[in-house]
Amino acid sequence: MKLAAGLAILACGFAATWLCLPLAPTGFLALGIGLAAGALAAGPLIDRLRPKPVLVAGLVALGAASGTRFPAGALGLGIGMTLVAANALVPAAPRGGRAAALNLLNLLLPVGAVFNPAFGVANVPVATLPIAAVALAFALWMRMPAPPEPTAPEKRPAISLLAVLLFLYAACEAGTWNWLAEYWRVTRVLDRETAWQVLCYGVPLGLIAGRAWSARLLASVAPLRVVQVASLAMALAAGLLLLARSPSASWVAAFVAGAAMAPVLPTVLAMAGEALPRWPATGMGIALAAGSLGVWAVRSSPPRGMLALPAVSLAMALVAWAMGPRKRAE
């Protein structure tokens, strides 16, 4: 089960690099619609049918994307379904156990982003095909255990606030991927080729290190507190990206930005599963679909939106802190 989920997440990491490519507006629209539709459809199906059939369907969509007339839509649909199904395989656990496990699992997302440039960005569906095929083979072969009985936490987070949180987070991460290289080129910090190298390796390596560290941190710190601190760290990291004026400073800022963003996606997905304890996969699907809207909002904005990322990160921090417990008036 763990191997199938890990390979599925790795395939999504390869496929998700298409979100950063200069696609035509219709292609990116199809990708966004497919991602949101896949996430929203996968949640209720998983809660009714268990994750395995949905995981298989998502991997088939990923693998078939290279042979369809609408590869962007098929790729988006596959990413949405596969991400929700793979994360839903991780059972609920007390004291941040699910959030820690999801951080380790989703560590493989940026691994795909690191290695995919070796295949050439024009061949994203083709590069995804062999990994999706291997993951599909393991998913079909392995027996998936029955899900445990849902256990509601003492205080459930509001799914609406979690959706807003992931919308803002996706806008920040997608903005970094879409605008940073061009920003550094225009401000003459780096040439285009060096800027892409820093972006394609610095940020993913930071994401990998940050999720590995967050998995350990969540053993002793509440998931919401981790998200709150990460939101503030993202605002500081966005400032570092804007202020970098040398190649070495750019590498450091990119790594720090990736490490700051790292725990948010998997931890919020874990919290979304707890927000709807009877339908945990549906909660994850709603949050992930909101994130796809954040990606679309960034893609339809001009590159100077990079200057707004610190403010968006602070807005995300406000939402996260608003979700915290309120003291009762005596």
C-alpha atoms as a PDB file:
ATOM      1  CA  MET A   1       0.000   0.000   0.000  1.00  0.00           C
ATOM      2  CA  LYS A   2       2.717   2.489   0.991  1.00  0.00           C
ATOM      3  CA  LEU A   3       4.765   1.692  -2.123  1.00  0.00           C
ATOM      4  CA  ALA A   4       1.776   2.176  -4.427  1.00  0.00           C
ATOM      5  CA  ALA A   5       0.880   5.485  -2.743  1.00  0.00           C
ATOM      6  CA  GLY A   6       4.488   6.708  -2.923  1.00  0.00           C
ATOM      7  CA  LEU A   7       4.863   5.889  -6.607  1.00  0.00           C
ATOM      8  CA  ALA A   8       1.520   7.550  -7.319  1.00  0.00           C
ATOM      9  CA  ILE A   9       2.636  10.746  -5.574  1.00  0.00           C
ATOM     10  CA  LEU A  10       5.942  10.633  -7.497  1.00  0.00           C
ATOM     11  CA  ALA A  11       4.023  10.370 -10.785  1.00  0.00           C
ATOM     12  CA  CYS A  12       1.942  13.393  -9.754  1.00  0.00           C
ATOM     13  CA  GLY A  13       5.176  15.296  -9.066  1.00  0.00           C
ATOM     14  CA  PHE A  14       6.330  14.640 -12.627  1.00  0.00           C
ATOM     15  CA  ALA A  15       2.949  15.585 -14.062  1.00  0.00           C
ATOM     16  CA  ALA A  16       2.477  18.718 -11.950  1.00  0.00           C
ATOM     17  CA  THR A  17       5.452  20.413 -13.619  1.00  0.00           C
ATOM     18  CA  TRP A  18       3.065  21.176 -16.485  1.00  0.00           C
ATOM     19  CA  LEU A  19       1.458  23.778 -14.214  1.00  0.00           C
ATOM     20  CA  CYS A  20       4.585  25.898 -14.703  1.00  0.00           C
ATOM     21  CA  LEU A  21       4.893  25.611 -18.465  1.00  0.00           C
ATOM     22  CA  PRO A  22       3.817  28.286 -20.972  1.00  0.00           C
ATOM     23  CA  LEU A  23       0.641  26.478 -22.023  1.00  0.00           C
ATOM     24  CA  ALA A  24      -1.998  28.085 -24.215  1.00  0.00           C
ATOM     25  CA  PRO A  25      -4.906  29.572 -22.220  1.00  0.00           C
ATOM     26  CA  THR A  26      -7.227  26.767 -23.351  1.00  0.00           C
ATOM     27  CA  GLY A  27      -4.691  24.118 -22.327  1.00  0.00           C
ATOM     28  CA  PHE A  28      -4.204  25.596 -18.889  1.00  0.00           C
ATOM     29  CA  LEU A  29      -7.960  26.001 -18.465  1.00  0.00           C
ATOM     30  CA  ALA A  30      -8.413  22.313 -19.291  1.00  0.00           C
ATOM     31  CA  LEU A  31      -5.665  21.400 -16.823  1.00  0.00           C
ATOM     32  CA  GLY A  32      -7.265  23.453 -14.037  1.00  0.00           C
ATOM     33  CA  ILE A  33     -10.766  22.135 -14.703  1.00  0.00           C
ATOM     34  CA  GLY A  34      -9.467  18.573 -14.784  1.00  0.00           C
ATOM     35  CA  LEU A  35      -7.573  19.024 -11.509  1.00  0.00           C
ATOM     36  CA  ALA A  36     -10.565  20.503  -9.665  1.00  0.00           C
ATOM     37  CA  ALA A  37     -13.012  17.990 -11.133  1.00  0.00           C
ATOM     38  CA  GLY A  38     -10.740  15.058 -10.315  1.00  0.00           C
ATOM     39  CA  ALA A  39     -10.289  16.167  -6.702  1.00  0.00           C
ATOM     40  CA  LEU A  40     -14.000  16.872  -6.147  1.00  0.00           C
ATOM     41  CA  ALA A  41     -15.115  13.596  -7.745  1.00  0.00           C
ATOM     42  CA  ALA A  42     -12.472  11.473  -6.029  1.00  0.00           C
ATOM     43  CA  GLY A  43     -13.444  12.396  -2.469  1.00  0.00           C
ATOM     44  CA  PRO A  44     -17.030  11.046  -2.367  1.00  0.00           C
ATOM     45  CA  LEU A  45     -16.057   8.036  -4.503  1.00  0.00           C
ATOM     46  CA  ILE A  46     -13.277   7.097  -2.081  1.00  0.00           C
ATOM     47  CA  ASP A  47     -15.563   7.458   0.923  1.00  0.00           C
ATOM     48  CA  ARG A  48     -18.020   5.067  -0.754  1.00  0.00           C
ATOM     49  CA  LEU A  49     -15.751   2.671  -2.656  1.00  0.00           C
ATOM     50  CA  ARG A  50     -12.417   2.895  -0.758  1.00  0.00           C
ATOM     51  CA  PRO A  51      -9.283   4.443  -2.294  1.00  0.00           C
ATOM     52  CA  LYS A  52      -8.063   1.589  -4.521  1.00  0.00           C
ATOM     53  CA  PRO A  53     -10.469   1.902  -7.494  1.00  0.00           C
ATOM     54  CA  VAL A  54     -10.105   5.691  -7.514  1.00  0.00           C
ATOM     55  CA  LEU A  55      -6.309   5.426  -7.322  1.00  0.00           C
ATOM     56  CA  VAL A  56      -6.330   3.007 -10.241  1.00  0.00           C
ATOM     57  CA  ALA A  57      -8.582   5.320 -12.280  1.00  0.00           C
ATOM     58  CA  GLY A  58      -6.363   8.322 -11.540  1.00  0.00           C
ATOM     59  CA  LEU A  59      -3.205   6.492 -12.558  1.00  0.00           C
ATOM     60  CA  VAL A  60      -4.877   5.318 -15.764  1.00  0.00           C
ATOM     61  CA  ALA A  61      -5.740   8.955 -16.564  1.00  0.00           C
ATOM     62  CA  LEU A  62      -2.138  10.016 -15.878  1.00  0.00           C
ATOM     63  CA  GLY A  63      -0.721   7.263 -18.051  1.00  0.00           C
ATOM     64  CA  ALA A  64      -3.185   7.832 -20.871  1.00  0.00           C
ATOM     65  CA  ALA A  65      -2.608  11.601 -21.021  1.00  0.00           C
ATOM     66  CA  SER A  66       0.195  11.295 -23.577  1.00  0.00           C
ATOM     67  CA  GLY A  67      -2.065   9.424 -26.001  1.00  0.00           C
ATOM     68  CA  THR A  68      -5.199  11.579 -25.831  1.00  0.00           C
ATOM     69  CA  ARG A  69      -6.308  14.563 -27.887  1.00  0.00           C
ATOM     70  CA  PHE A  70      -6.654  16.597 -24.670  1.00  0.00           C
ATOM     71  CA  PRO A  71      -3.529  15.738 -22.636  1.00  0.00           C
ATOM     72  CA  ALA A  72      -3.837  18.740 -20.320  1.00  0.00           C
ATOM     73  CA  GLY A  73      -7.368  17.830 -19.209  1.00  0.00           C
ATOM     74  CA  ALA A  74      -6.490  14.152 -18.736  1.00  0.00           C
ATOM     75  CA  LEU A  75      -3.353  15.062 -16.818  1.00  0.00           C
ATOM     76  CA  GLY A  76      -5.285  17.424 -14.530  1.00  0.00           C
ATOM     77  CA  LEU A  77      -7.982  14.821 -13.914  1.00  0.00           C
ATOM     78  CA  GLY A  78      -5.353  12.201 -13.118  1.00  0.00           C
ATOM     79  CA  ILE A  79      -3.443  14.486 -10.747  1.00  0.00           C
ATOM     80  CA  GLY A  80      -6.606  15.421  -8.830  1.00  0.00           C
ATOM     81  CA  MET A  81      -7.862  11.859  -8.430  1.00  0.00           C
ATOM     82  CA  THR A  82      -4.449  10.360  -7.671  1.00  0.00           C
ATOM     83  CA  LEU A  83      -3.458  12.953  -5.073  1.00  0.00           C
ATOM     84  CA  VAL A  84      -6.681  12.555  -3.106  1.00  0.00           C
ATOM     85  CA  ALA A  85      -6.649   8.744  -3.326  1.00  0.00           C
ATOM     86  CA  ALA A  86      -2.983   8.379  -2.347  1.00  0.00           C
ATOM     87  CA  ASN A  87      -3.364  10.703   0.644  1.00  0.00           C
ATOM     88  CA  ALA A  88      -6.615   9.011   1.675  1.00  0.00           C
ATOM     89  CA  LEU A  89      -4.711   5.725   2.032  1.00  0.00           C
ATOM     90  CA  VAL A  90      -3.060   7.147   5.158  1.00  0.00           C
ATOM     91  CA  PRO A  91      -5.391   6.389   8.093  1.00  0.00           C
ATOM     92  CA  ALA A  92      -6.358   8.855  10.785  1.00  0.00           C
ATOM     93  CA  ALA A  93      -4.009   8.903  13.778  1.00  0.00           C
ATOM     94  CA  PRO A  94      -4.001  10.865  17.038  1.00  0.00           C
ATOM     95  CA  ARG A  95      -1.752  13.817  17.890  1.00  0.00           C
ATOM     96  CA  GLY A  96      -0.814  14.834  14.379  1.00  0.00           C
ATOM     97  CA  GLY A  97       0.096  11.311  13.261  1.00  0.00           C
ATOM     98  CA  ARG A  98      -1.712  11.605   9.935  1.00  0.00           C
ATOM     99  CA  ALA A  99      -0.190  15.023   9.231  1.00  0.00           C
ATOM    100  CA  ALA A 100       3.305  13.641   9.887  1.00  0.00           C
ATOM    101  CA  ALA A 101       2.676  10.653   7.619  1.00  0.00           C
ATOM    102  CA  LEU A 102       1.316  12.866   4.832  1.00  0.00           C
ATOM    103  CA  ASN A 103       4.381  15.108   5.036  1.00  0.00           C
ATOM    104  CA  LEU A 104       6.594  12.072   4.464  1.00  0.00           C
ATOM    105  CA  LEU A 105       4.382  10.781   1.655  1.00  0.00           C
ATOM    106  CA  ASN A 106       4.147  14.123  -0.143  1.00  0.00           C
ATOM    107  CA  LEU A 107       7.896  14.566   0.125  1.00  0.00           C
ATOM    108  CA  LEU A 108       7.881  12.647  -3.168  1.00  0.00           C
ATOM    109  CA  LEU A 109       5.986  15.429  -4.982  1.00  0.00           C
ATOM    110  CA  PRO A 110       9.013  17.757  -5.214  1.00  0.00           C
ATOM    111  CA  VAL A 111      11.243  14.753  -5.983  1.00  0.00           C
ATOM    112  CA  GLY A 112       9.379  14.463  -9.276  1.00  0.00           C
ATOM    113  CA  ALA A 113       9.893  18.179  -9.880  1.00  0.00           C
ATOM    114  CA  VAL A 114      13.651  17.813  -9.303  1.00  0.00           C
ATOM    115  CA  PHE A 115      14.170  14.930 -11.721  1.00  0.00           C
ATOM    116  CA  ASN A 116      11.651  15.845 -14.420  1.00  0.00           C
ATOM    117  CA  PRO A 117      13.841  18.528 -16.117  1.00  0.00           C
ATOM    118  CA  ALA A 118      16.147  15.690 -17.212  1.00  0.00           C
ATOM    119  CA  PHE A 119      13.344  14.462 -19.497  1.00  0.00           C
ATOM    120  CA  GLY A 120      12.713  17.856 -21.099  1.00  0.00           C
ATOM    121  CA  VAL A 121       9.719  19.993 -20.219  1.00  0.00           C
ATOM    122  CA  ALA A 122       8.042  19.340 -23.568  1.00  0.00           C
ATOM    123  CA  ASN A 123       7.623  15.641 -22.710  1.00  0.00           C
ATOM    124  CA  VAL A 124       5.838  15.869 -19.357  1.00  0.00           C
ATOM    125  CA  PRO A 125       3.061  13.368 -20.242  1.00  0.00           C
ATOM    126  CA  VAL A 126       5.606  10.965 -21.735  1.00  0.00           C
ATOM    127  CA  ALA A 127       7.869  11.246 -18.668  1.00  0.00           C
ATOM    128  CA  THR A 128       4.897  10.557 -16.403  1.00  0.00           C
ATOM    129  CA  LEU A 129       3.800   7.421 -18.286  1.00  0.00           C
ATOM    130  CA  PRO A 130       6.360   4.862 -17.015  1.00  0.00           C
ATOM    131  CA  ILE A 131       6.060   5.925 -13.371  1.00  0.00           C
ATOM    132  CA  ALA A 132       2.264   5.901 -13.560  1.00  0.00           C
ATOM    133  CA  ALA A 133       2.401   2.434 -15.135  1.00  0.00           C
ATOM    134  CA  VAL A 134       4.603   1.040 -12.342  1.00  0.00           C
ATOM    135  CA  ALA A 135       2.415   2.642  -9.675  1.00  0.00           C
ATOM    136  CA  LEU A 136      -0.672   1.200 -11.372  1.00  0.00           C
ATOM    137  CA  ALA A 137       0.853  -2.287 -11.347  1.00  0.00           C
ATOM    138  CA  PHE A 138       1.554  -2.071  -7.617  1.00  0.00           C
ATOM    139  CA  ALA A 139      -1.894  -0.604  -6.902  1.00  0.00           C
ATOM    140  CA  LEU A 140      -3.578  -3.494  -8.729  1.00  0.00           C
ATOM    141  CA  TRP A 141      -1.364  -6.095  -7.034  1.00  0.00           C
ATOM    142  CA  MET A 142      -1.451  -4.871  -3.454  1.00  0.00           C
ATOM    143  CA  ARG A 143      -4.350  -5.482  -1.118  1.00  0.00           C
ATOM    144  CA  MET A 144      -5.694  -2.313   0.411  1.00  0.00           C
ATOM    145  CA  PRO A 145      -6.734  -2.672   4.067  1.00  0.00           C
ATOM    146  CA  ALA A 146     -10.211  -1.714   5.175  1.00  0.00           C
ATOM    147  CA  PRO A 147     -10.355   1.862   6.474  1.00  0.00           C
ATOM    148  CA  PRO A 148     -10.547   2.239  10.256  1.00  0.00           C
ATOM    149  CA  GLU A 149     -13.606   3.603  11.986  1.00  0.00           C
ATOM    150  CA  PRO A 150     -13.573   7.401  11.899  1.00  0.00           C
ATOM    151  CA  THR A 151     -12.634   9.129  15.143  1.00  0.00           C
ATOM    152  CA  ALA A 152     -13.566  12.777  15.424  1.00  0.00           C
ATOM    153  CA  PRO A 153     -11.010  15.060  17.080  1.00  0.00           C
ATOM    154  CA  GLU A 154     -12.041  17.154  20.067  1.00  0.00           C
ATOM    155  CA  LYS A 155     -12.030  20.345  17.968  1.00  0.00           C
ATOM    156  CA  ARG A 156     -12.618  19.956  14.254  1.00  0.00           C
ATOM    157  CA  PRO A 157     -11.239  22.624  11.919  1.00  0.00           C
ATOM    158  CA  ALA A 158     -13.723  24.352   9.613  1.00  0.00           C
ATOM    159  CA  ILE A 159     -13.499  22.935   6.093  1.00  0.00           C
ATOM    160  CA  SER A 160     -14.347  26.351   4.620  1.00  0.00           C
ATOM    161  CA  LEU A 161     -11.348  28.003   6.310  1.00  0.00           C
ATOM    162  CA  LEU A 162      -9.092  25.127   5.275  1.00  0.00           C
ATOM    163  CA  ALA A 163     -10.233  25.600   1.669  1.00  0.00           C
ATOM    164  CA  VAL A 164      -9.402  29.325   1.850  1.00  0.00           C
ATOM    165  CA  LEU A 165      -6.049  28.456   3.418  1.00  0.00           C
ATOM    166  CA  LEU A 166      -5.123  26.057   0.619  1.00  0.00           C
ATOM    167  CA  PHE A 167      -6.369  28.548  -2.010  1.00  0.00           C
ATOM    168  CA  LEU A 168      -3.964  31.179  -0.673  1.00  0.00           C
ATOM    169  CA  TYR A 169      -1.140  28.677  -0.295  1.00  0.00           C
ATOM    170  CA  ALA A 170      -1.544  27.416  -3.866  1.00  0.00           C
ATOM    171  CA  ALA A 171      -1.491  31.015  -5.096  1.00  0.00           C
ATOM    172  CA  CYS A 172       1.817  31.569  -3.270  1.00  0.00           C
ATOM    173  CA  GLU A 173       3.492  28.387  -4.502  1.00  0.00           C
ATOM    174  CA  ALA A 174       2.196  28.696  -8.061  1.00  0.00           C
ATOM    175  CA  GLY A 175       3.197  32.361  -8.087  1.00  0.00           C
ATOM    176  CA  THR A 176       6.719  31.409  -7.085  1.00  0.00           C
ATOM    177  CA  TRP A 177       6.939  28.803  -9.866  1.00  0.00           C
ATOM    178  CA  ASN A 178       5.390  31.047 -12.536  1.00  0.00           C
ATOM    179  CA  TRP A 179       6.860  34.457 -11.750  1.00  0.00           C
ATOM    180  CA  LEU A 180      10.178  34.073  -9.936  1.00  0.00           C
ATOM    181  CA  ALA A 181      12.471  33.251 -12.871  1.00  0.00           C
ATOM    182  CA  GLU A 182      11.040  36.117 -14.953  1.00  0.00           C
ATOM    183  CA  TYR A 183      11.273  38.492 -11.970  1.00  0.00           C
ATOM    184  CA  TRP A 184      14.961  37.724 -11.482  1.00  0.00           C
ATOM    185  CA  ARG A 185      15.581  38.127 -15.221  1.00  0.00           C
ATOM    186  CA  VAL A 186      13.836  41.504 -15.382  1.00  0.00           C
ATOM    187  CA  THR A 187      15.620  42.797 -12.266  1.00  0.00           C
ATOM    188  CA  ARG A 188      18.924  41.514 -13.768  1.00  0.00           C
ATOM    189  CA  VAL A 189      19.713  39.368 -10.754  1.00  0.00           C
ATOM    190  CA  LEU A 190      20.149  36.247 -12.921  1.00  0.00           C
ATOM    191  CA  ASP A 191      19.980  35.380 -16.583  1.00  0.00           C
ATOM    192  CA  ARG A 192      17.059  33.252 -17.761  1.00  0.00           C
ATOM    193  CA  GLU A 193      18.911  29.904 -17.756  1.00  0.00           C
ATOM    194  CA  THR A 194      20.430  30.366 -14.289  1.00  0.00           C
ATOM    195  CA  ALA A 195      17.123  31.607 -12.884  1.00  0.00           C
ATOM    196  CA  TRP A 196      15.373  28.447 -14.100  1.00  0.00           C
ATOM    197  CA  GLN A 197      18.094  26.257 -12.593  1.00  0.00           C
ATOM    198  CA  VAL A 198      17.740  27.956  -9.215  1.00  0.00           C
ATOM    199  CA  LEU A 199      13.955  27.686  -9.379  1.00  0.00           C
ATOM    200  CA  CYS A 200      13.822  24.064 -10.560  1.00  0.00           C
ATOM    201  CA  TYR A 201      16.296  22.786  -7.975  1.00  0.00           C
ATOM    202  CA  GLY A 202      16.422  25.267  -5.081  1.00  0.00           C
ATOM    203  CA  VAL A 203      12.688  25.333  -4.313  1.00  0.00           C
ATOM    204  CA  PRO A 204      12.083  21.540  -4.654  1.00  0.00           C
ATOM    205  CA  LEU A 205      15.115  20.723  -2.503  1.00  0.00           C
ATOM    206  CA  GLY A 206      13.752  23.082   0.130  1.00  0.00           C
ATOM    207  CA  LEU A 207      10.361  21.371  -0.087  1.00  0.00           C
ATOM    208  CA  ILE A 208      11.993  17.952   0.395  1.00  0.00           C
ATOM    209  CA  ALA A 209      14.024  19.065   3.412  1.00  0.00           C
ATOM    210  CA  GLY A 210      11.088  20.968   4.910  1.00  0.00           C
ATOM    211  CA  ARG A 211       8.679  18.039   4.712  1.00  0.00           C
ATOM    212  CA  ALA A 212      11.223  15.637   6.181  1.00  0.00           C
ATOM    213  CA  TRP A 213      11.758  18.021   9.102  1.00  0.00           C
ATOM    214  CA  SER A 214       8.025  18.725   9.514  1.00  0.00           C
ATOM    215  CA  ALA A 215       7.268  15.003   9.817  1.00  0.00           C
ATOM    216  CA  ARG A 216       9.487  14.920  12.924  1.00  0.00           C
ATOM    217  CA  LEU A 217       8.162  18.220  14.237  1.00  0.00           C
ATOM    218  CA  LEU A 218       4.531  17.079  14.079  1.00  0.00           C
ATOM    219  CA  ALA A 219       5.260  14.377  16.644  1.00  0.00           C
ATOM    220  CA  SER A 220       5.329  17.093  19.305  1.00  0.00           C
ATOM    221  CA  VAL A 221       3.642  20.172  17.773  1.00  0.00           C
ATOM    222  CA  ALA A 222      -0.031  20.520  16.804  1.00  0.00           C
ATOM    223  CA  PRO A 223      -0.718  20.592  13.036  1.00  0.00           C
ATOM    224  CA  LEU A 224      -2.447  23.973  13.196  1.00  0.00           C
ATOM    225  CA  ARG A 225       0.508  25.558  14.969  1.00  0.00           C
ATOM    226  CA  VAL A 226       2.863  24.190  12.296  1.00  0.00           C
ATOM    227  CA  VAL A 227       0.691  25.775   9.576  1.00  0.00           C
ATOM    228  CA  GLN A 228       0.552  29.077  11.460  1.00  0.00           C
ATOM    229  CA  VAL A 229       4.329  29.296  11.799  1.00  0.00           C
ATOM    230  CA  ALA A 230       4.859  28.129   8.203  1.00  0.00           C
ATOM    231  CA  SER A 231       2.563  30.916   6.944  1.00  0.00           C
ATOM    232  CA  LEU A 232       4.645  33.576   8.657  1.00  0.00           C
ATOM    233  CA  ALA A 233       7.833  31.921   7.419  1.00  0.00           C
ATOM    234  CA  MET A 234       6.446  32.039   3.861  1.00  0.00           C
ATOM    235  CA  ALA A 235       5.971  35.805   4.125  1.00  0.00           C
ATOM    236  CA  LEU A 236       9.586  36.243   5.253  1.00  0.00           C
ATOM    237  CA  ALA A 237      10.830  33.876   2.537  1.00  0.00           C
ATOM    238  CA  ALA A 238       8.894  35.779  -0.138  1.00  0.00           C
ATOM    239  CA  GLY A 239      10.662  38.929   1.027  1.00  0.00           C
ATOM    240  CA  LEU A 240      14.019  37.163   0.685  1.00  0.00           C
ATOM    241  CA  LEU A 241      13.160  36.155  -2.888  1.00  0.00           C
ATOM    242  CA  LEU A 242      12.362  39.763  -3.773  1.00  0.00           C
ATOM    243  CA  LEU A 243      15.484  41.158  -2.092  1.00  0.00           C
ATOM    244  CA  ALA A 244      17.992  38.629  -3.491  1.00  0.00           C
ATOM    245  CA  ARG A 245      20.586  40.422  -5.609  1.00  0.00           C
ATOM    246  CA  SER A 246      23.233  37.745  -6.278  1.00  0.00           C
ATOM    247  CA  PRO A 247      23.286  34.109  -7.424  1.00  0.00           C
ATOM    248  CA  SER A 248      24.265  32.810  -3.984  1.00  0.00           C
ATOM    249  CA  ALA A 249      21.540  34.836  -2.278  1.00  0.00           C
ATOM    250  CA  SER A 250      19.043  33.563  -4.855  1.00  0.00           C
ATOM    251  CA  TRP A 251      19.941  29.921  -4.113  1.00  0.00           C
ATOM    252  CA  VAL A 252      19.552  30.497  -0.363  1.00  0.00           C
ATOM    253  CA  ALA A 253      16.255  32.365  -0.778  1.00  0.00           C
ATOM    254  CA  ALA A 254      14.823  29.661  -3.080  1.00  0.00           C
ATOM    255  CA  PHE A 255      15.738  26.886  -0.639  1.00  0.00           C
ATOM    256  CA  VAL A 256      14.298  28.810   2.328  1.00  0.00           C
ATOM    257  CA  ALA A 257      11.090  29.515   0.392  1.00  0.00           C
ATOM    258  CA  GLY A 258      10.659  25.823  -0.399  1.00  0.00           C
ATOM    259  CA  ALA A 259      11.325  24.815   3.218  1.00  0.00           C
ATOM    260  CA  ALA A 260       8.802  27.395   4.489  1.00  0.00           C
ATOM    261  CA  MET A 261       6.079  26.200   2.104  1.00  0.00           C
ATOM    262  CA  ALA A 262       6.788  22.511   2.676  1.00  0.00           C
ATOM    263  CA  PRO A 263       4.470  21.537   5.550  1.00  0.00           C
ATOM    264  CA  VAL A 264       1.385  23.450   4.442  1.00  0.00           C
ATOM    265  CA  LEU A 265      -0.130  21.233   1.721  1.00  0.00           C
ATOM    266  CA  PRO A 266       0.137  17.828   3.471  1.00  0.00           C
ATOM    267  CA  THR A 267      -0.745  19.218   6.892  1.00  0.00           C
ATOM    268  CA  VAL A 268      -3.829  21.054   5.609  1.00  0.00           C
ATOM    269  CA  LEU A 269      -4.927  17.910   3.738  1.00  0.00           C
ATOM    270  CA  ALA A 270      -4.665  15.961   7.007  1.00  0.00           C
ATOM    271  CA  MET A 271      -6.704  18.632   8.809  1.00  0.00           C
ATOM    272  CA  ALA A 272      -9.281  18.578   5.998  1.00  0.00           C
ATOM    273  CA  GLY A 273      -9.691  14.833   6.529  1.00  0.00           C
ATOM    274  CA  GLU A 274     -10.345  15.496  10.224  1.00  0.00           C
ATOM    275  CA  ALA A 275     -12.793  18.307   9.437  1.00  0.00           C
ATOM    276  CA  LEU A 276     -15.223  15.760   7.948  1.00  0.00           C
ATOM    277  CA  PRO A 277     -14.499  12.599   9.999  1.00  0.00           C
ATOM    278  CA  ARG A 278     -17.234  10.564   8.300  1.00  0.00           C
ATOM    279  CA  TRP A 279     -16.089  11.653   4.816  1.00  0.00           C
ATOM    280  CA  PRO A 280     -12.347  12.342   5.160  1.00  0.00           C
ATOM    281  CA  ALA A 281     -11.542  11.942   1.468  1.00  0.00           C
ATOM    282  CA  THR A 282     -14.328  14.387   0.582  1.00  0.00           C
ATOM    283  CA  GLY A 283     -12.719  16.946   2.889  1.00  0.00           C
ATOM    284  CA  MET A 284      -9.359  16.434   1.197  1.00  0.00           C
ATOM    285  CA  GLY A 285     -10.967  16.759  -2.234  1.00  0.00           C
ATOM    286  CA  ILE A 286     -12.666  20.047  -1.337  1.00  0.00           C
ATOM    287  CA  ALA A 287      -9.409  21.524  -0.019  1.00  0.00           C
ATOM    288  CA  LEU A 288      -7.409  20.372  -3.050  1.00  0.00           C
ATOM    289  CA  ALA A 289     -10.020  21.742  -5.474  1.00  0.00           C
ATOM    290  CA  ALA A 290      -9.778  25.121  -3.728  1.00  0.00           C
ATOM    291  CA  GLY A 291      -6.021  24.941  -4.232  1.00  0.00           C
ATOM    292  CA  SER A 292      -6.503  24.413  -7.964  1.00  0.00           C
ATOM    293  CA  LEU A 293      -8.477  27.672  -8.062  1.00  0.00           C
ATOM    294  CA  GLY A 294      -5.520  29.421  -6.434  1.00  0.00           C
ATOM    295  CA  VAL A 295      -3.249  28.103  -9.181  1.00  0.00           C
ATOM    296  CA  TRP A 296      -5.647  29.398 -11.849  1.00  0.00           C
ATOM    297  CA  ALA A 297      -5.877  32.838 -10.185  1.00  0.00           C
ATOM    298  CA  VAL A 298      -2.102  33.168 -10.337  1.00  0.00           C
ATOM    299  CA  ARG A 299      -1.766  31.936 -13.905  1.00  0.00           C
ATOM    300  CA  SER A 300      -4.232  34.546 -15.142  1.00  0.00           C
ATOM    301  CA  SER A 301      -2.280  37.381 -13.423  1.00  0.00           C
ATOM    302  CA  PRO A 302       0.756  39.331 -14.728  1.00  0.00           C
ATOM    303  CA  PRO A 303       4.301  38.480 -13.512  1.00  0.00           C
ATOM    304  CA  ARG A 304       4.484  41.625 -11.368  1.00  0.00           C
ATOM    305  CA  GLY A 305       2.157  39.752  -9.018  1.00  0.00           C
ATOM    306  CA  MET A 306       5.395  38.387  -7.490  1.00  0.00           C
ATOM    307  CA  LEU A 307       5.449  41.605  -5.459  1.00  0.00           C
ATOM    308  CA  ALA A 308       2.149  40.609  -3.815  1.00  0.00           C
ATOM    309  CA  LEU A 309       3.336  37.239  -2.489  1.00  0.00           C
ATOM    310  CA  PRO A 310       4.403  38.542   0.962  1.00  0.00           C
ATOM    311  CA  ALA A 311       0.943  40.067   1.424  1.00  0.00           C
ATOM    312  CA  VAL A 312      -0.793  36.863   0.272  1.00  0.00           C
ATOM    313  CA  SER A 313       1.327  34.872   2.733  1.00  0.00           C
ATOM    314  CA  LEU A 314       0.348  37.244   5.540  1.00  0.00           C
ATOM    315  CA  ALA A 315      -3.326  36.841   4.588  1.00  0.00           C
ATOM    316  CA  MET A 316      -2.809  33.107   4.810  1.00  0.00           C
ATOM    317  CA  ALA A 317      -1.273  33.550   8.269  1.00  0.00           C
ATOM    318  CA  LEU A 318      -4.316  35.559   9.384  1.00  0.00           C
ATOM    319  CA  VAL A 319      -6.648  32.762   8.273  1.00  0.00           C
ATOM    320  CA  ALA A 320      -4.502  30.179  10.042  1.00  0.00           C
ATOM    321  CA  TRP A 321      -4.391  32.141  13.279  1.00  0.00           C
ATOM    322  CA  ALA A 322      -8.157  32.774  13.085  1.00  0.00           C
ATOM    323  CA  MET A 323      -8.643  28.999  13.220  1.00  0.00           C
ATOM    324  CA  GLY A 324      -6.932  28.789  16.607  1.00  0.00           C
ATOM    325  CA  PRO A 325      -8.820  28.344  19.898  1.00  0.00           C
ATOM    326  CA  ARG A 326     -10.385  31.477  21.323  1.00  0.00           C
ATOM    327  CA  LYS A 327     -10.199  32.282  25.007  1.00  0.00           C
ATOM    328  CA  ARG A 328     -13.547  32.422  26.734  1.00  0.00           C
ATOM    329  CA  ALA A 329     -14.466  35.624  28.486  1.00  0.00           C
ATOM    330  CA  GLU A 330     -14.755  35.137  32.250  1.00  0.00           C
END
